[in-house]
Protein backbone atom coordinates (compact mmCIF):
# COMPACT_ATOMS: atom_id res chain seq x y z
CA MET A 1 -0.03 0.01 0.01
CA ASN A 2 1.26 3.32 -0.82
CA HIS A 3 1.12 6.49 1.24
CA GLN A 4 -1.83 7.92 -0.72
CA THR A 5 -4.04 4.88 -0.02
CA ILE A 6 -3.28 4.92 3.65
CA SER A 7 -4.18 8.63 3.83
CA ASN A 8 -7.46 7.99 2.06
CA GLN A 9 -8.35 5.21 4.39
CA ALA A 10 -7.67 7.41 7.42
CA ASN A 11 -9.83 10.18 6.01
CA ASN A 12 -12.68 7.69 5.31
CA LYS A 13 -12.45 6.38 8.93
CA SER A 14 -12.58 9.90 10.42
CA ALA A 15 -15.49 10.78 8.15
CA ASN A 16 -17.27 7.62 9.16
CA ASN A 17 -16.63 8.35 12.87
CA LEU A 18 -17.93 11.86 12.45
CA ALA A 19 -21.06 10.63 10.71
CA ARG A 20 -21.54 8.01 13.36
CA HIS A 21 -21.23 10.66 16.19
CA GLN A 22 -23.69 12.95 14.43
CA ARG A 23 -26.10 10.08 13.97
CA PHE A 24 -25.98 9.24 17.68
CA GLY A 25 -26.38 12.86 18.72
CA ALA A 26 -22.98 13.65 20.02
CA SER A 27 -23.19 17.16 18.60
CA SER A 28 -26.72 17.65 19.97
CA LEU A 29 -25.47 16.79 23.42
CA ALA A 30 -22.72 19.33 23.05
CA ARG A 31 -25.34 21.91 22.00
CA MET A 32 -27.52 21.08 25.05
CA ARG A 33 -24.60 21.70 27.35
CA HIS A 34 -24.26 25.19 26.08
CA SER A 35 -28.06 25.86 26.19
CA LYS A 36 -28.98 27.94 29.36
CA GLY A 37 -32.78 28.10 29.07
CA PHE A 38 -35.63 29.00 26.83
CA THR A 39 -35.46 31.71 24.18
CA LEU A 40 -37.72 34.77 24.31
CA VAL A 41 -39.67 33.46 21.30
CA GLU A 42 -40.38 30.16 22.98
CA LEU A 43 -41.60 31.85 26.12
CA MET A 44 -43.82 34.22 24.11
CA VAL A 45 -45.34 31.28 22.25
CA VAL A 46 -46.20 29.56 25.67
CA ILE A 47 -47.73 32.77 27.01
CA VAL A 48 -49.86 33.22 23.88
CA ILE A 49 -51.14 29.62 24.14
CA VAL A 50 -51.96 29.97 27.86
CA GLY A 51 -53.75 33.24 27.03
CA ILE A 52 -55.87 31.61 24.34
CA LEU A 53 -56.79 28.72 26.62
CA SER A 54 -57.72 31.15 29.43
CA ALA A 55 -59.88 33.22 27.13
CA VAL A 56 -61.74 30.17 25.99
CA ALA A 57 -62.21 28.41 29.36
CA LEU A 58 -62.69 31.29 31.79
CA PRO A 59 -66.15 32.45 30.61
CA ARG A 60 -67.42 28.85 31.05
CA PHE A 61 -66.48 28.75 34.65
CA LEU A 62 -67.42 32.27 35.80
CA GLY A 63 -71.18 31.56 36.40
CA VAL A 64 -70.82 28.10 37.74
CA LYS A 65 -71.45 29.00 41.39
CA ASP A 66 -74.57 31.00 40.55
CA LYS A 67 -75.90 28.22 38.25
CA ALA A 68 -75.36 25.63 41.04
CA LYS A 69 -77.13 27.85 43.60
CA LEU A 70 -80.10 28.39 41.33
CA ASN A 71 -80.37 24.64 40.47
CA THR A 72 -80.19 23.86 44.20
CA GLN A 73 -83.06 26.30 44.90
CA LEU A 74 -85.07 24.72 41.98
CA GLY A 75 -84.62 21.26 43.44
CA GLU A 76 -85.47 22.41 46.96
CA ALA A 77 -88.62 24.15 45.77
CA ALA A 78 -89.79 21.15 43.84
CA GLY A 79 -89.18 18.87 46.76
CA LEU A 80 -90.95 21.14 49.27
CA ALA A 81 -93.89 21.72 46.85
CA LYS A 82 -94.37 17.93 46.38
CA GLU A 83 -94.21 17.37 50.15
CA CYS A 84 -96.86 20.12 50.77
CA SER A 85 -98.96 18.94 47.87
CA ALA A 86 -98.95 15.35 49.06
CA ALA A 87 -99.96 16.48 52.57
CA ILE A 88 -102.80 18.55 51.27
CA ILE A 89 -104.12 15.89 48.91
CA ALA A 90 -103.82 13.11 51.51
CA GLU A 91 -105.32 15.39 54.21
CA GLY A 92 -102.80 13.71 56.53
CA THR A 93 -100.13 15.13 58.79
CA TYR A 94 -99.00 18.46 57.43
CA PRO A 95 -95.29 19.35 57.33
CA ALA A 96 -94.24 21.70 60.14
CA ASP A 97 -94.26 25.38 59.58
CA TYR A 98 -91.15 26.66 57.92
CA ALA A 99 -88.71 28.23 60.34
CA ALA A 100 -87.62 30.98 57.94
CA ALA A 101 -88.96 32.88 55.00
CA ILE A 102 -85.60 32.35 53.26
CA THR A 103 -83.81 29.03 53.31
CA ASN A 104 -80.03 28.39 53.51
CA THR A 105 -79.89 28.20 49.74
CA GLY A 106 -81.70 31.50 49.24
CA LEU A 107 -85.09 30.05 48.27
CA THR A 108 -87.91 32.43 49.38
CA ILE A 109 -91.02 30.85 50.88
CA THR A 110 -94.33 32.74 51.16
CA GLY A 111 -96.94 31.05 53.34
CA ASP A 112 -96.69 27.80 55.27
CA CYS A 113 -97.96 24.56 53.95
CA ASN A 114 -99.56 23.91 57.29
CA GLY A 115 -101.16 27.30 57.32
CA GLY A 116 -102.16 26.88 60.89
CA THR A 117 -104.49 23.98 60.11
CA THR A 118 -104.65 20.39 61.32
CA ALA A 119 -105.26 17.12 59.48
CA SER A 120 -108.94 17.32 60.29
CA ALA A 121 -109.18 20.84 58.93
CA PRO A 122 -107.25 20.95 55.62
CA ALA A 123 -105.53 24.10 54.45
CA THR A 124 -107.84 26.46 52.78
CA GLY A 125 -105.87 29.61 53.26
CA SER A 126 -103.61 31.26 50.83
CA ASP A 127 -101.40 29.44 48.32
CA ILE A 128 -97.89 28.43 49.23
CA ILE A 129 -95.29 30.07 46.93
CA TYR A 130 -91.59 29.22 46.56
CA THR A 131 -89.50 31.76 44.61
CA THR A 132 -85.86 31.32 43.50
CA THR A 133 -83.20 33.96 43.03
CA PRO A 134 -82.98 35.53 39.43
CA ALA A 135 -81.24 33.42 36.83
CA SER A 136 -78.11 34.61 35.19
CA ALA A 137 -77.53 34.65 31.41
CA ASN A 138 -77.22 31.20 29.83
CA SER A 139 -77.91 29.45 33.13
CA GLY A 140 -79.68 26.62 31.34
CA ALA A 141 -82.08 26.30 34.33
CA LYS A 142 -85.74 25.39 33.83
CA CYS A 143 -88.83 26.35 35.78
CA GLY A 144 -90.93 23.29 35.24
CA SER A 145 -90.62 22.79 31.43
CA ASN A 146 -89.89 26.47 30.74
CA PRO A 147 -86.36 27.71 30.39
CA LEU A 148 -85.46 30.65 32.57
CA ALA A 149 -84.23 33.72 30.78
CA ASP A 150 -81.64 36.14 32.18
CA GLY A 151 -83.17 37.92 35.26
CA GLU A 152 -86.22 35.65 35.57
CA GLN A 153 -87.13 33.83 38.69
CA CYS A 154 -88.96 30.52 39.07
CA LYS A 155 -92.25 30.71 41.04
CA VAL A 156 -93.55 27.32 42.24
CA THR A 157 -97.11 27.61 43.68
CA VAL A 158 -99.01 25.00 45.63
CA THR A 159 -102.77 25.67 45.67
CA ALA A 160 -103.89 25.54 49.31
CA GLY A 161 -107.21 23.88 48.67
CA SER A 162 -106.36 21.24 46.01
CA GLY A 163 -102.56 20.72 46.36
CA ASP A 164 -102.00 21.49 42.68
CA ILE A 165 -98.48 22.53 41.75
CA ALA A 166 -97.78 25.17 39.10
CA TYR A 167 -94.45 26.39 37.78
CA ALA A 168 -94.13 29.80 36.19
CA PRO A 169 -91.10 31.92 35.22
CA ILE A 170 -91.55 35.52 36.43
CA ALA A 171 -89.61 38.71 35.97
CA ALA A 172 -87.49 39.63 38.93
CA PRO A 173 -88.79 42.67 40.92
């Protein structure tokens, strides 16, 4: 072998070694050692993405507490109205007078199901009315089968003499 052939073989070996190191990421490791953090562009991209996600998700969660409160009141009103109606229809033991005109959830009660009567003298007084707080925009709540619009309240009425239950959306005062 001559000197030229040996030189070419050495060059080929070093070229192969360089290619192999590049394939296995030796140069990327060297670059990572010199990297100290994120670039300004990368940070700005992350901030923009977080901003977009916040702008989309935040409005969905703003009214969740008010919606939950209204739906709790609707459930409470329906339950109390059914209890009162059943007592009136059965002419049995009436539920005790309500301790407060406004419940823990904010449901307003006008009149007592008992109305001061006993099982032998059924209620003939005024109707019993349960009124919720006003609905907020897009609450999705329903008063009976009627959807509540922004600012409307649900009024659940139990007729004192018959025990009939009626649901009606009303404008907030």
